[in-house]
Amino acid sequence: MKKYIKDIKILFIEDDLIASQGLIRILSMIGIENVDYANNCSIGLDKFKHCEYDLIISDIETPIMNGIELATNIRNENKDIPIIFTTGYSCDYYKNSAKNLNVSYFSKPFKVERLIERIGFLV
């Protein structure tokens, strides 16, 4: 069942503080106020295990754990939660891994409009 955008809860994982502040501000501008933030995938995975989210947006390369490991762990517990990778890395390994894990993949820099459109489609 689709939710209203204002009612969704997002886990956002990004190690770049400026990029994270920018995207959180954009999400707020479109009505998404319920965003949990983690600065690496290890912390994000811990948050995922202790809270219910409608969507996960994660950088693919963060300290301690990368997005592929994060998504693999999440998929072991929840096959359906939408996950979006945002990344500055555009290699076939990441793209193929994302596809195999049923994860959307956005190369940085990306058009915010496309990300917002994808969020609306997923939730």
PDB file of N, CA and C in Angstrom:
ATOM      1  N   MET A   1       0.841  -1.178   0.000  1.00  0.00           N
ATOM      2  CA  MET A   1       0.000   0.000   0.000  1.00  0.00           C
ATOM      3  C   MET A   1       0.890   1.248   0.000  1.00  0.00           C
ATOM      4  N   LYS A   2       0.590   2.154  -0.890  1.00  0.00           N
ATOM      5  CA  LYS A   2       1.332   3.407  -0.987  1.00  0.00           C
ATOM      6  C   LYS A   2       1.052   4.283   0.229  1.00  0.00           C
ATOM      7  N   LYS A   3       2.081   5.004   0.668  1.00  0.00           N
ATOM      8  CA  LYS A   3       1.941   5.953   1.763  1.00  0.00           C
ATOM      9  C   LYS A   3       2.040   7.361   1.201  1.00  0.00           C
ATOM     10  N   TYR A   4       1.464   8.305   1.927  1.00  0.00           N
ATOM     11  CA  TYR A   4       1.686   9.696   1.590  1.00  0.00           C
ATOM     12  C   TYR A   4       3.141  10.022   1.878  1.00  0.00           C
ATOM     13  N   ILE A   5       3.740  10.840   1.042  1.00  0.00           N
ATOM     14  CA  ILE A   5       5.164  11.144   1.170  1.00  0.00           C
ATOM     15  C   ILE A   5       5.491  11.723   2.548  1.00  0.00           C
ATOM     16  N   LYS A   6       4.569  12.481   3.125  1.00  0.00           N
ATOM     17  CA  LYS A   6       4.829  13.083   4.437  1.00  0.00           C
ATOM     18  C   LYS A   6       4.850  12.047   5.553  1.00  0.00           C
ATOM     19  N   ASP A   7       4.319  10.852   5.292  1.00  0.00           N
ATOM     20  CA  ASP A   7       4.223   9.818   6.317  1.00  0.00           C
ATOM     21  C   ASP A   7       5.338   8.776   6.269  1.00  0.00           C
ATOM     22  N   ILE A   8       6.234   8.872   5.292  1.00  0.00           N
ATOM     23  CA  ILE A   8       7.263   7.843   5.190  1.00  0.00           C
ATOM     24  C   ILE A   8       8.436   8.141   6.123  1.00  0.00           C
ATOM     25  N   LYS A   9       9.101   7.065   6.529  1.00  0.00           N
ATOM     26  CA  LYS A   9      10.285   7.172   7.378  1.00  0.00           C
ATOM     27  C   LYS A   9      11.476   6.631   6.595  1.00  0.00           C
ATOM     28  N   ILE A  10      12.501   7.461   6.477  1.00  0.00           N
ATOM     29  CA  ILE A  10      13.686   7.126   5.685  1.00  0.00           C
ATOM     30  C   ILE A  10      14.902   6.979   6.587  1.00  0.00           C
ATOM     31  N   LEU A  11      15.698   5.955   6.310  1.00  0.00           N
ATOM     32  CA  LEU A  11      17.035   5.842   6.883  1.00  0.00           C
ATOM     33  C   LEU A  11      17.993   6.327   5.810  1.00  0.00           C
ATOM     34  N   PHE A  12      18.745   7.375   6.122  1.00  0.00           N
ATOM     35  CA  PHE A  12      19.668   7.977   5.163  1.00  0.00           C
ATOM     36  C   PHE A  12      21.086   7.811   5.680  1.00  0.00           C
ATOM     37  N   ILE A  13      21.933   7.175   4.863  1.00  0.00           N
ATOM     38  CA  ILE A  13      23.316   6.884   5.252  1.00  0.00           C
ATOM     39  C   ILE A  13      24.256   7.572   4.268  1.00  0.00           C
ATOM     40  N   GLU A  14      25.090   8.460   4.794  1.00  0.00           N
ATOM     41  CA  GLU A  14      26.015   9.238   3.955  1.00  0.00           C
ATOM     42  C   GLU A  14      27.147   9.724   4.846  1.00  0.00           C
ATOM     43  N   ASP A  15      28.391   9.503   4.403  1.00  0.00           N
ATOM     44  CA  ASP A  15      29.529   9.934   5.211  1.00  0.00           C
ATOM     45  C   ASP A  15      29.978  11.365   4.921  1.00  0.00           C
ATOM     46  N   ASP A  16      29.477  11.969   3.880  1.00  0.00           N
ATOM     47  CA  ASP A  16      29.799  13.360   3.550  1.00  0.00           C
ATOM     48  C   ASP A  16      28.758  14.270   4.197  1.00  0.00           C
ATOM     49  N   LEU A  17      29.166  15.001   5.226  1.00  0.00           N
ATOM     50  CA  LEU A  17      28.243  15.819   6.006  1.00  0.00           C
ATOM     51  C   LEU A  17      27.534  16.869   5.158  1.00  0.00           C
ATOM     52  N   ILE A  18      28.242  17.526   4.269  1.00  0.00           N
ATOM     53  CA  ILE A  18      27.627  18.568   3.429  1.00  0.00           C
ATOM     54  C   ILE A  18      26.578  17.952   2.497  1.00  0.00           C
ATOM     55  N   ALA A  19      26.917  16.830   1.878  1.00  0.00           N
ATOM     56  CA  ALA A  19      25.954  16.150   0.989  1.00  0.00           C
ATOM     57  C   ALA A  19      24.732  15.692   1.778  1.00  0.00           C
ATOM     58  N   SER A  20      24.956  15.190   2.982  1.00  0.00           N
ATOM     59  CA  SER A  20      23.826  14.694   3.775  1.00  0.00           C
ATOM     60  C   SER A  20      22.914  15.841   4.197  1.00  0.00           C
ATOM     61  N   GLN A  21      23.482  16.951   4.603  1.00  0.00           N
ATOM     62  CA  GLN A  21      22.661  18.105   4.989  1.00  0.00           C
ATOM     63  C   GLN A  21      21.843  18.601   3.802  1.00  0.00           C
ATOM     64  N   GLY A  22      22.453  18.609   2.629  1.00  0.00           N
ATOM     65  CA  GLY A  22      21.747  19.060   1.429  1.00  0.00           C
ATOM     66  C   GLY A  22      20.565  18.171   1.086  1.00  0.00           C
ATOM     67  N   LEU A  23      20.774  16.855   1.108  1.00  0.00           N
ATOM     68  CA  LEU A  23      19.678  15.958   0.751  1.00  0.00           C
ATOM     69  C   LEU A  23      18.582  15.960   1.818  1.00  0.00           C
ATOM     70  N   ILE A  24      18.963  16.034   3.092  1.00  0.00           N
ATOM     71  CA  ILE A  24      17.952  16.105   4.154  1.00  0.00           C
ATOM     72  C   ILE A  24      17.113  17.372   3.995  1.00  0.00           C
ATOM     73  N   ARG A  25      17.742  18.461   3.620  1.00  0.00           N
ATOM     74  CA  ARG A  25      17.019  19.721   3.386  1.00  0.00           C
ATOM     75  C   ARG A  25      16.055  19.577   2.196  1.00  0.00           C
ATOM     76  N   ILE A  26      16.502  18.940   1.139  1.00  0.00           N
ATOM     77  CA  ILE A  26      15.643  18.726  -0.037  1.00  0.00           C
ATOM     78  C   ILE A  26      14.466  17.827   0.325  1.00  0.00           C
ATOM     79  N   LEU A  27      14.728  16.748   1.059  1.00  0.00           N
ATOM     80  CA  LEU A  27      13.638  15.864   1.482  1.00  0.00           C
ATOM     81  C   LEU A  27      12.617  16.627   2.319  1.00  0.00           C
ATOM     82  N   SER A  28      13.101  17.489   3.184  1.00  0.00           N
ATOM     83  CA  SER A  28      12.206  18.312   4.009  1.00  0.00           C
ATOM     84  C   SER A  28      11.356  19.241   3.144  1.00  0.00           C
ATOM     85  N   MET A  29      11.943  19.786   2.103  1.00  0.00           N
ATOM     86  CA  MET A  29      11.222  20.700   1.214  1.00  0.00           C
ATOM     87  C   MET A  29      10.078  20.004   0.480  1.00  0.00           C
ATOM     88  N   ILE A  30      10.196  18.691   0.280  1.00  0.00           N
ATOM     89  CA  ILE A  30       9.106  17.978  -0.401  1.00  0.00           C
ATOM     90  C   ILE A  30       8.167  17.298   0.608  1.00  0.00           C
ATOM     91  N   GLY A  31       8.388  17.573   1.898  1.00  0.00           N
ATOM     92  CA  GLY A  31       7.458  17.097   2.921  1.00  0.00           C
ATOM     93  C   GLY A  31       7.900  15.887   3.711  1.00  0.00           C
ATOM     94  N   ILE A  32       9.103  15.397   3.467  1.00  0.00           N
ATOM     95  CA  ILE A  32       9.600  14.240   4.226  1.00  0.00           C
ATOM     96  C   ILE A  32      10.398  14.766   5.417  1.00  0.00           C
ATOM     97  N   GLU A  33       9.804  14.666   6.589  1.00  0.00           N
ATOM     98  CA  GLU A  33      10.435  15.179   7.802  1.00  0.00           C
ATOM     99  C   GLU A  33      11.032  14.068   8.665  1.00  0.00           C
ATOM    100  N   ASN A  34      10.605  12.830   8.423  1.00  0.00           N
ATOM    101  CA  ASN A  34      11.009  11.727   9.278  1.00  0.00           C
ATOM    102  C   ASN A  34      12.205  10.995   8.661  1.00  0.00           C
ATOM    103  N   VAL A  35      13.409  11.559   8.870  1.00  0.00           N
ATOM    104  CA  VAL A  35      14.631  11.003   8.305  1.00  0.00           C
ATOM    105  C   VAL A  35      15.610  10.714   9.434  1.00  0.00           C
ATOM    106  N   ASP A  36      15.994   9.449   9.565  1.00  0.00           N
ATOM    107  CA  ASP A  36      17.066   9.060  10.479  1.00  0.00           C
ATOM    108  C   ASP A  36      18.365   9.105   9.688  1.00  0.00           C
ATOM    109  N   TYR A  37      19.421   9.586  10.321  1.00  0.00           N
ATOM    110  CA  TYR A  37      20.696   9.741   9.631  1.00  0.00           C
ATOM    111  C   TYR A  37      21.772   8.893  10.308  1.00  0.00           C
ATOM    112  N   ALA A  38      22.623   8.291   9.490  1.00  0.00           N
ATOM    113  CA  ALA A  38      23.820   7.605   9.966  1.00  0.00           C
ATOM    114  C   ALA A  38      24.972   7.993   9.049  1.00  0.00           C
ATOM    115  N   ASN A  39      26.176   8.125   9.625  1.00  0.00           N
ATOM    116  CA  ASN A  39      27.300   8.541   8.787  1.00  0.00           C
ATOM    117  C   ASN A  39      28.124   7.368   8.251  1.00  0.00           C
ATOM    118  N   ASN A  40      27.678   6.139   8.533  1.00  0.00           N
ATOM    119  CA  ASN A  40      28.285   4.975   7.888  1.00  0.00           C
ATOM    120  C   ASN A  40      27.300   3.813   7.890  1.00  0.00           C
ATOM    121  N   CYS A  41      27.564   2.832   7.049  1.00  0.00           N
ATOM    122  CA  CYS A  41      26.623   1.717   6.863  1.00  0.00           C
ATOM    123  C   CYS A  41      26.530   0.821   8.087  1.00  0.00           C
ATOM    124  N   SER A  42      27.589   0.729   8.876  1.00  0.00           N
ATOM    125  CA  SER A  42      27.547  -0.082  10.086  1.00  0.00           C
ATOM    126  C   SER A  42      26.531   0.485  11.080  1.00  0.00           C
ATOM    127  N   ILE A  43      26.587   1.781  11.300  1.00  0.00           N
ATOM    128  CA  ILE A  43      25.607   2.437  12.177  1.00  0.00           C
ATOM    129  C   ILE A  43      24.218   2.334  11.557  1.00  0.00           C
ATOM    130  N   GLY A  44      24.142   2.512  10.244  1.00  0.00           N
ATOM    131  CA  GLY A  44      22.865   2.395   9.550  1.00  0.00           C
ATOM    132  C   GLY A  44      22.240   1.017   9.730  1.00  0.00           C
ATOM    133  N   LEU A  45      23.044  -0.033   9.638  1.00  0.00           N
ATOM    134  CA  LEU A  45      22.528  -1.386   9.822  1.00  0.00           C
ATOM    135  C   LEU A  45      21.996  -1.568  11.235  1.00  0.00           C
ATOM    136  N   ASP A  46      22.700  -1.034  12.212  1.00  0.00           N
ATOM    137  CA  ASP A  46      22.229  -1.107  13.598  1.00  0.00           C
ATOM    138  C   ASP A  46      20.892  -0.389  13.757  1.00  0.00           C
ATOM    139  N   LYS A  47      20.769   0.787  13.158  1.00  0.00           N
ATOM    140  CA  LYS A  47      19.502   1.528  13.217  1.00  0.00           C
ATOM    141  C   LYS A  47      18.384   0.733  12.543  1.00  0.00           C
ATOM    142  N   PHE A  48      18.690   0.122  11.398  1.00  0.00           N
ATOM    143  CA  PHE A  48      17.701  -0.682  10.683  1.00  0.00           C
ATOM    144  C   PHE A  48      17.170  -1.815  11.555  1.00  0.00           C
ATOM    145  N   LYS A  49      18.058  -2.429  12.327  1.00  0.00           N
ATOM    146  CA  LYS A  49      17.663  -3.563  13.164  1.00  0.00           C
ATOM    147  C   LYS A  49      16.774  -3.152  14.329  1.00  0.00           C
ATOM    148  N   HIS A  50      16.767  -1.865  14.661  1.00  0.00           N
ATOM    149  CA  HIS A  50      16.029  -1.400  15.838  1.00  0.00           C
ATOM    150  C   HIS A  50      14.871  -0.468  15.513  1.00  0.00           C
ATOM    151  N   CYS A  51      14.600  -0.268  14.246  1.00  0.00           N
ATOM    152  CA  CYS A  51      13.535   0.655  13.873  1.00  0.00           C
ATOM    153  C   CYS A  51      12.931   0.210  12.543  1.00  0.00           C
ATOM    154  N   GLU A  52      11.712   0.609  12.301  1.00  0.00           N
ATOM    155  CA  GLU A  52      11.039   0.256  11.054  1.00  0.00           C
ATOM    156  C   GLU A  52      11.106   1.448  10.089  1.00  0.00           C
ATOM    157  N   TYR A  53      11.565   1.193   8.879  1.00  0.00           N
ATOM    158  CA  TYR A  53      11.702   2.230   7.859  1.00  0.00           C
ATOM    159  C   TYR A  53      10.894   1.853   6.623  1.00  0.00           C
ATOM    160  N   ASP A  54      10.535   2.879   5.853  1.00  0.00           N
ATOM    161  CA  ASP A  54       9.850   2.667   4.582  1.00  0.00           C
ATOM    162  C   ASP A  54      10.822   2.649   3.412  1.00  0.00           C
ATOM    163  N   LEU A  55      12.013   3.234   3.622  1.00  0.00           N
ATOM    164  CA  LEU A  55      12.987   3.396   2.541  1.00  0.00           C
ATOM    165  C   LEU A  55      14.359   3.614   3.142  1.00  0.00           C
ATOM    166  N   ILE A  56      15.381   3.080   2.461  1.00  0.00           N
ATOM    167  CA  ILE A  56      16.766   3.322   2.847  1.00  0.00           C
ATOM    168  C   ILE A  56      17.474   3.955   1.667  1.00  0.00           C
ATOM    169  N   ILE A  57      18.134   5.074   1.932  1.00  0.00           N
ATOM    170  CA  ILE A  57      18.982   5.725   0.925  1.00  0.00           C
ATOM    171  C   ILE A  57      20.388   5.695   1.492  1.00  0.00           C
ATOM    172  N   SER A  58      21.325   5.127   0.747  1.00  0.00           N
ATOM    173  CA  SER A  58      22.678   4.977   1.283  1.00  0.00           C
ATOM    174  C   SER A  58      23.740   5.266   0.239  1.00  0.00           C
ATOM    175  N   ASP A  59      24.788   5.935   0.696  1.00  0.00           N
ATOM    176  CA  ASP A  59      26.011   6.018  -0.089  1.00  0.00           C
ATOM    177  C   ASP A  59      26.547   4.590  -0.184  1.00  0.00           C
ATOM    178  N   ILE A  60      27.242   4.276  -1.249  1.00  0.00           N
ATOM    179  CA  ILE A  60      27.740   2.910  -1.415  1.00  0.00           C
ATOM    180  C   ILE A  60      29.095   2.712  -0.741  1.00  0.00           C
ATOM    181  N   GLU A  61      29.862   3.785  -0.583  1.00  0.00           N
ATOM    182  CA  GLU A  61      31.172   3.700   0.059  1.00  0.00           C
ATOM    183  C   GLU A  61      31.174   4.536   1.327  1.00  0.00           C
ATOM    184  N   THR A  62      31.160   3.860   2.475  1.00  0.00           N
ATOM    185  CA  THR A  62      31.281   4.549   3.759  1.00  0.00           C
ATOM    186  C   THR A  62      32.319   3.806   4.591  1.00  0.00           C
ATOM    187  N   PRO A  63      32.868   4.461   5.612  1.00  0.00           N
ATOM    188  CA  PRO A  63      33.832   3.775   6.479  1.00  0.00           C
ATOM    189  C   PRO A  63      33.205   2.562   7.175  1.00  0.00           C
ATOM    190  N   ILE A  64      34.003   1.616   7.512  1.00  0.00           N
ATOM    191  CA  ILE A  64      33.678   0.412   8.276  1.00  0.00           C
ATOM    192  C   ILE A  64      32.945  -0.629   7.427  1.00  0.00           C
ATOM    193  N   MET A  65      31.867  -0.248   6.759  1.00  0.00           N
ATOM    194  CA  MET A  65      31.059  -1.175   5.962  1.00  0.00           C
ATOM    195  C   MET A  65      30.592  -0.453   4.716  1.00  0.00           C
ATOM    196  N   ASN A  66      30.541  -1.157   3.587  1.00  0.00           N
ATOM    197  CA  ASN A  66      30.044  -0.503   2.375  1.00  0.00           C
ATOM    198  C   ASN A  66      28.564  -0.832   2.153  1.00  0.00           C
ATOM    199  N   GLY A  67      27.979  -0.189   1.174  1.00  0.00           N
ATOM    200  CA  GLY A  67      26.563  -0.349   0.892  1.00  0.00           C
ATOM    201  C   GLY A  67      26.181  -1.745   0.434  1.00  0.00           C
ATOM    202  N   ILE A  68      27.082  -2.430  -0.255  1.00  0.00           N
ATOM    203  CA  ILE A  68      26.792  -3.795  -0.700  1.00  0.00           C
ATOM    204  C   ILE A  68      26.628  -4.711   0.515  1.00  0.00           C
ATOM    205  N   GLU A  69      27.533  -4.574   1.486  1.00  0.00           N
ATOM    206  CA  GLU A  69      27.414  -5.367   2.719  1.00  0.00           C
ATOM    207  C   GLU A  69      26.135  -5.001   3.470  1.00  0.00           C
ATOM    208  N   LEU A  70      25.839  -3.711   3.530  1.00  0.00           N
ATOM    209  CA  LEU A  70      24.614  -3.253   4.182  1.00  0.00           C
ATOM    210  C   LEU A  70      23.383  -3.885   3.527  1.00  0.00           C
ATOM    211  N   ALA A  71      23.286  -3.757   2.216  1.00  0.00           N
ATOM    212  CA  ALA A  71      22.120  -4.271   1.497  1.00  0.00           C
ATOM    213  C   ALA A  71      22.018  -5.788   1.616  1.00  0.00           C
ATOM    214  N   THR A  72      23.135  -6.485   1.594  1.00  0.00           N
ATOM    215  CA  THR A  72      23.125  -7.941   1.749  1.00  0.00           C
ATOM    216  C   THR A  72      22.547  -8.321   3.115  1.00  0.00           C
ATOM    217  N   ASN A  73      22.996  -7.643   4.161  1.00  0.00           N
ATOM    218  CA  ASN A  73      22.471  -7.895   5.508  1.00  0.00           C
ATOM    219  C   ASN A  73      20.983  -7.576   5.594  1.00  0.00           C
ATOM    220  N   ILE A  74      20.587  -6.460   5.015  1.00  0.00           N
ATOM    221  CA  ILE A  74      19.176  -6.070   5.052  1.00  0.00           C
ATOM    222  C   ILE A  74      18.322  -7.070   4.282  1.00  0.00           C
ATOM    223  N   ARG A  75      18.784  -7.490   3.112  1.00  0.00           N
ATOM    224  CA  ARG A  75      18.016  -8.437   2.298  1.00  0.00           C
ATOM    225  C   ARG A  75      17.862  -9.791   3.005  1.00  0.00           C
ATOM    226  N   ASN A  76      18.784 -10.143   3.884  1.00  0.00           N
ATOM    227  CA  ASN A  76      18.641 -11.371   4.657  1.00  0.00           C
ATOM    228  C   ASN A  76      17.471 -11.284   5.639  1.00  0.00           C
ATOM    229  N   GLU A  77      17.121 -10.066   6.037  1.00  0.00           N
ATOM    230  CA  GLU A  77      16.024  -9.855   6.987  1.00  0.00           C
ATOM    231  C   GLU A  77      14.751  -9.340   6.315  1.00  0.00           C
ATOM    232  N   ASN A  78      14.902  -8.577   5.246  1.00  0.00           N
ATOM    233  CA  ASN A  78      13.750  -7.941   4.617  1.00  0.00           C
ATOM    234  C   ASN A  78      14.002  -7.837   3.112  1.00  0.00           C
ATOM    235  N   LYS A  79      13.294  -8.645   2.370  1.00  0.00           N
ATOM    236  CA  LYS A  79      13.484  -8.681   0.905  1.00  0.00           C
ATOM    237  C   LYS A  79      12.779  -7.526   0.200  1.00  0.00           C
ATOM    238  N   ASP A  80      11.836  -6.879   0.887  1.00  0.00           N
ATOM    239  CA  ASP A  80      10.960  -5.925   0.212  1.00  0.00           C
ATOM    240  C   ASP A  80      11.270  -4.453   0.424  1.00  0.00           C
ATOM    241  N   ILE A  81      11.998  -4.101   1.476  1.00  0.00           N
ATOM    242  CA  ILE A  81      12.210  -2.680   1.747  1.00  0.00           C
ATOM    243  C   ILE A  81      12.991  -2.050   0.592  1.00  0.00           C
ATOM    244  N   PRO A  82      12.497  -0.934   0.085  1.00  0.00           N
ATOM    245  CA  PRO A  82      13.223  -0.267  -1.006  1.00  0.00           C
ATOM    246  C   PRO A  82      14.554   0.315  -0.513  1.00  0.00           C
ATOM    247  N   ILE A  83      15.579   0.123  -1.320  1.00  0.00           N
ATOM    248  CA  ILE A  83      16.905   0.661  -1.026  1.00  0.00           C
ATOM    249  C   ILE A  83      17.380   1.405  -2.272  1.00  0.00           C
ATOM    250  N   ILE A  84      17.948   2.586  -2.040  1.00  0.00           N
ATOM    251  CA  ILE A  84      18.543   3.375  -3.113  1.00  0.00           C
ATOM    252  C   ILE A  84      19.998   3.631  -2.757  1.00  0.00           C
ATOM    253  N   PHE A  85      20.909   3.293  -3.669  1.00  0.00           N
ATOM    254  CA  PHE A  85      22.309   3.658  -3.512  1.00  0.00           C
ATOM    255  C   PHE A  85      22.569   4.967  -4.235  1.00  0.00           C
ATOM    256  N   THR A  86      23.293   5.853  -3.583  1.00  0.00           N
ATOM    257  CA  THR A  86      23.825   7.043  -4.237  1.00  0.00           C
ATOM    258  C   THR A  86      25.339   6.900  -4.171  1.00  0.00           C
ATOM    259  N   THR A  87      26.003   7.104  -5.274  1.00  0.00           N
ATOM    260  CA  THR A  87      27.440   6.853  -5.264  1.00  0.00           C
ATOM    261  C   THR A  87      28.190   7.677  -6.302  1.00  0.00           C
ATOM    262  N   GLY A  88      29.397   7.991  -5.964  1.00  0.00           N
ATOM    263  CA  GLY A  88      30.304   8.624  -6.902  1.00  0.00           C
ATOM    264  C   GLY A  88      31.102   7.595  -7.685  1.00  0.00           C
ATOM    265  N   TYR A  89      30.942   6.322  -7.308  1.00  0.00           N
ATOM    266  CA  TYR A  89      31.652   5.230  -7.971  1.00  0.00           C
ATOM    267  C   TYR A  89      30.748   4.610  -9.029  1.00  0.00           C
ATOM    268  N   SER A  90      31.251   4.533 -10.236  1.00  0.00           N
ATOM    269  CA  SER A  90      30.430   4.025 -11.333  1.00  0.00           C
ATOM    270  C   SER A  90      31.086   2.796 -11.950  1.00  0.00           C
ATOM    271  N   CYS A  91      31.288   1.772 -11.130  1.00  0.00           N
ATOM    272  CA  CYS A  91      31.924   0.567 -11.667  1.00  0.00           C
ATOM    273  C   CYS A  91      30.886  -0.541 -11.833  1.00  0.00           C
ATOM    274  N   ASP A  92      31.196  -1.469 -12.714  1.00  0.00           N
ATOM    275  CA  ASP A  92      30.273  -2.563 -13.016  1.00  0.00           C
ATOM    276  C   ASP A  92      29.975  -3.421 -11.791  1.00  0.00           C
ATOM    277  N   TYR A  93      30.979  -3.627 -10.926  1.00  0.00           N
ATOM    278  CA  TYR A  93      30.763  -4.440  -9.725  1.00  0.00           C
ATOM    279  C   TYR A  93      29.631  -3.856  -8.879  1.00  0.00           C
ATOM    280  N   TYR A  94      29.674  -2.555  -8.614  1.00  0.00           N
ATOM    281  CA  TYR A  94      28.630  -1.930  -7.799  1.00  0.00           C
ATOM    282  C   TYR A  94      27.274  -1.976  -8.500  1.00  0.00           C
ATOM    283  N   LYS A  95      27.270  -1.670  -9.781  1.00  0.00           N
ATOM    284  CA  LYS A  95      26.007  -1.695 -10.532  1.00  0.00           C
ATOM    285  C   LYS A  95      25.394  -3.090 -10.551  1.00  0.00           C
ATOM    286  N   ASN A  96      26.206  -4.099 -10.819  1.00  0.00           N
ATOM    287  CA  ASN A  96      25.703  -5.469 -10.861  1.00  0.00           C
ATOM    288  C   ASN A  96      25.262  -5.951  -9.484  1.00  0.00           C
ATOM    289  N   SER A  97      26.030  -5.615  -8.468  1.00  0.00           N
ATOM    290  CA  SER A  97      25.666  -5.997  -7.106  1.00  0.00           C
ATOM    291  C   SER A  97      24.349  -5.350  -6.706  1.00  0.00           C
ATOM    292  N   ALA A  98      24.186  -4.075  -7.038  1.00  0.00           N
ATOM    293  CA  ALA A  98      22.933  -3.374  -6.726  1.00  0.00           C
ATOM    294  C   ALA A  98      21.765  -4.056  -7.435  1.00  0.00           C
ATOM    295  N   LYS A  99      21.944  -4.373  -8.689  1.00  0.00           N
ATOM    296  CA  LYS A  99      20.878  -5.036  -9.455  1.00  0.00           C
ATOM    297  C   LYS A  99      20.519  -6.381  -8.834  1.00  0.00           C
ATOM    298  N   ASN A 100      21.526  -7.161  -8.472  1.00  0.00           N
ATOM    299  CA  ASN A 100      21.291  -8.480  -7.879  1.00  0.00           C
ATOM    300  C   ASN A 100      20.598  -8.391  -6.517  1.00  0.00           C
ATOM    301  N   LEU A 101      20.785  -7.284  -5.828  1.00  0.00           N
ATOM    302  CA  LEU A 101      20.169  -7.085  -4.510  1.00  0.00           C
ATOM    303  C   LEU A 101      18.844  -6.326  -4.620  1.00  0.00           C
ATOM    304  N   ASN A 102      18.406  -6.054  -5.845  1.00  0.00           N
ATOM    305  CA  ASN A 102      17.179  -5.287  -6.082  1.00  0.00           C
ATOM    306  C   ASN A 102      17.254  -3.899  -5.430  1.00  0.00           C
ATOM    307  N   VAL A 103      18.351  -3.216  -5.728  1.00  0.00           N
ATOM    308  CA  VAL A 103      18.610  -1.887  -5.189  1.00  0.00           C
ATOM    309  C   VAL A 103      18.713  -0.899  -6.343  1.00  0.00           C
ATOM    310  N   SER A 104      18.031   0.238  -6.207  1.00  0.00           N
ATOM    311  CA  SER A 104      18.161   1.310  -7.207  1.00  0.00           C
ATOM    312  C   SER A 104      19.537   1.945  -7.066  1.00  0.00           C
ATOM    313  N   TYR A 105      20.072   2.477  -8.163  1.00  0.00           N
ATOM    314  CA  TYR A 105      21.448   2.957  -8.207  1.00  0.00           C
ATOM    315  C   TYR A 105      21.490   4.323  -8.874  1.00  0.00           C
ATOM    316  N   PHE A 106      21.951   5.336  -8.137  1.00  0.00           N
ATOM    317  CA  PHE A 106      22.095   6.689  -8.677  1.00  0.00           C
ATOM    318  C   PHE A 106      23.545   7.109  -8.591  1.00  0.00           C
ATOM    319  N   SER A 107      24.148   7.415  -9.735  1.00  0.00           N
ATOM    320  CA  SER A 107      25.516   7.926  -9.749  1.00  0.00           C
ATOM    321  C   SER A 107      25.515   9.410  -9.430  1.00  0.00           C
ATOM    322  N   LYS A 108      26.466   9.823  -8.577  1.00  0.00           N
ATOM    323  CA  LYS A 108      26.613  11.236  -8.228  1.00  0.00           C
ATOM    324  C   LYS A 108      27.442  11.915  -9.306  1.00  0.00           C
ATOM    325  N   PRO A 109      27.178  13.125  -9.641  1.00  0.00           N
ATOM    326  CA  PRO A 109      26.013  13.885  -9.188  1.00  0.00           C
ATOM    327  C   PRO A 109      24.770  13.401  -9.923  1.00  0.00           C
ATOM    328  N   PHE A 110      23.656  13.424  -9.245  1.00  0.00           N
ATOM    329  CA  PHE A 110      22.404  12.988  -9.850  1.00  0.00           C
ATOM    330  C   PHE A 110      21.398  14.121  -9.785  1.00  0.00           C
ATOM    331  N   LYS A 111      20.401  14.024 -10.622  1.00  0.00           N
ATOM    332  CA  LYS A 111      19.336  15.025 -10.629  1.00  0.00           C
ATOM    333  C   LYS A 111      18.389  14.713  -9.479  1.00  0.00           C
ATOM    334  N   VAL A 112      18.221  15.687  -8.613  1.00  0.00           N
ATOM    335  CA  VAL A 112      17.372  15.520  -7.441  1.00  0.00           C
ATOM    336  C   VAL A 112      15.952  15.139  -7.862  1.00  0.00           C
ATOM    337  N   GLU A 113      15.501  15.681  -8.962  1.00  0.00           N
ATOM    338  CA  GLU A 113      14.151  15.373  -9.443  1.00  0.00           C
ATOM    339  C   GLU A 113      13.987  13.876  -9.707  1.00  0.00           C
ATOM    340  N   ARG A 114      15.019  13.259 -10.269  1.00  0.00           N
ATOM    341  CA  ARG A 114      14.967  11.813 -10.538  1.00  0.00           C
ATOM    342  C   ARG A 114      14.895  11.016  -9.242  1.00  0.00           C
ATOM    343  N   LEU A 115      15.662  11.450  -8.234  1.00  0.00           N
ATOM    344  CA  LEU A 115      15.633  10.765  -6.950  1.00  0.00           C
ATOM    345  C   LEU A 115      14.258  10.900  -6.298  1.00  0.00           C
ATOM    346  N   ILE A 116      13.707  12.088  -6.324  1.00  0.00           N
ATOM    347  CA  ILE A 116      12.375  12.321  -5.738  1.00  0.00           C
ATOM    348  C   ILE A 116      11.332  11.483  -6.470  1.00  0.00           C
ATOM    349  N   GLU A 117      11.425  11.437  -7.786  1.00  0.00           N
ATOM    350  CA  GLU A 117      10.512  10.606  -8.581  1.00  0.00           C
ATOM    351  C   GLU A 117      10.627   9.141  -8.178  1.00  0.00           C
ATOM    352  N   ARG A 118      11.846   8.668  -7.982  1.00  0.00           N
ATOM    353  CA  ARG A 118      12.077   7.266  -7.592  1.00  0.00           C
ATOM    354  C   ARG A 118      11.523   6.989  -6.198  1.00  0.00           C
ATOM    355  N   ILE A 119      11.708   7.925  -5.276  1.00  0.00           N
ATOM    356  CA  ILE A 119      11.161   7.771  -3.933  1.00  0.00           C
ATOM    357  C   ILE A 119       9.651   7.617  -4.001  1.00  0.00           C
ATOM    358  N   GLY A 120       8.997   8.482  -4.772  1.00  0.00           N
ATOM    359  CA  GLY A 120       7.548   8.406  -4.934  1.00  0.00           C
ATOM    360  C   GLY A 120       7.101   7.099  -5.517  1.00  0.00           C
ATOM    361  N   PHE A 121       7.887   6.555  -6.435  1.00  0.00           N
ATOM    362  CA  PHE A 121       7.553   5.269  -7.070  1.00  0.00           C
ATOM    363  C   PHE A 121       7.697   4.116  -6.084  1.00  0.00           C
ATOM    364  N   LEU A 122       8.738   4.163  -5.228  1.00  0.00           N
ATOM    365  CA  LEU A 122       9.050   3.050  -4.349  1.00  0.00           C
ATOM    366  C   LEU A 122       8.137   2.954  -3.122  1.00  0.00           C
ATOM    367  N   VAL A 123       7.720   4.087  -2.611  1.00  0.00           N
ATOM    368  CA  VAL A 123       6.923   4.047  -1.366  1.00  0.00           C
ATOM    369  C   VAL A 123       5.517   4.361  -1.658  1.00  0.00           C
TER     370      VAL A 123
END
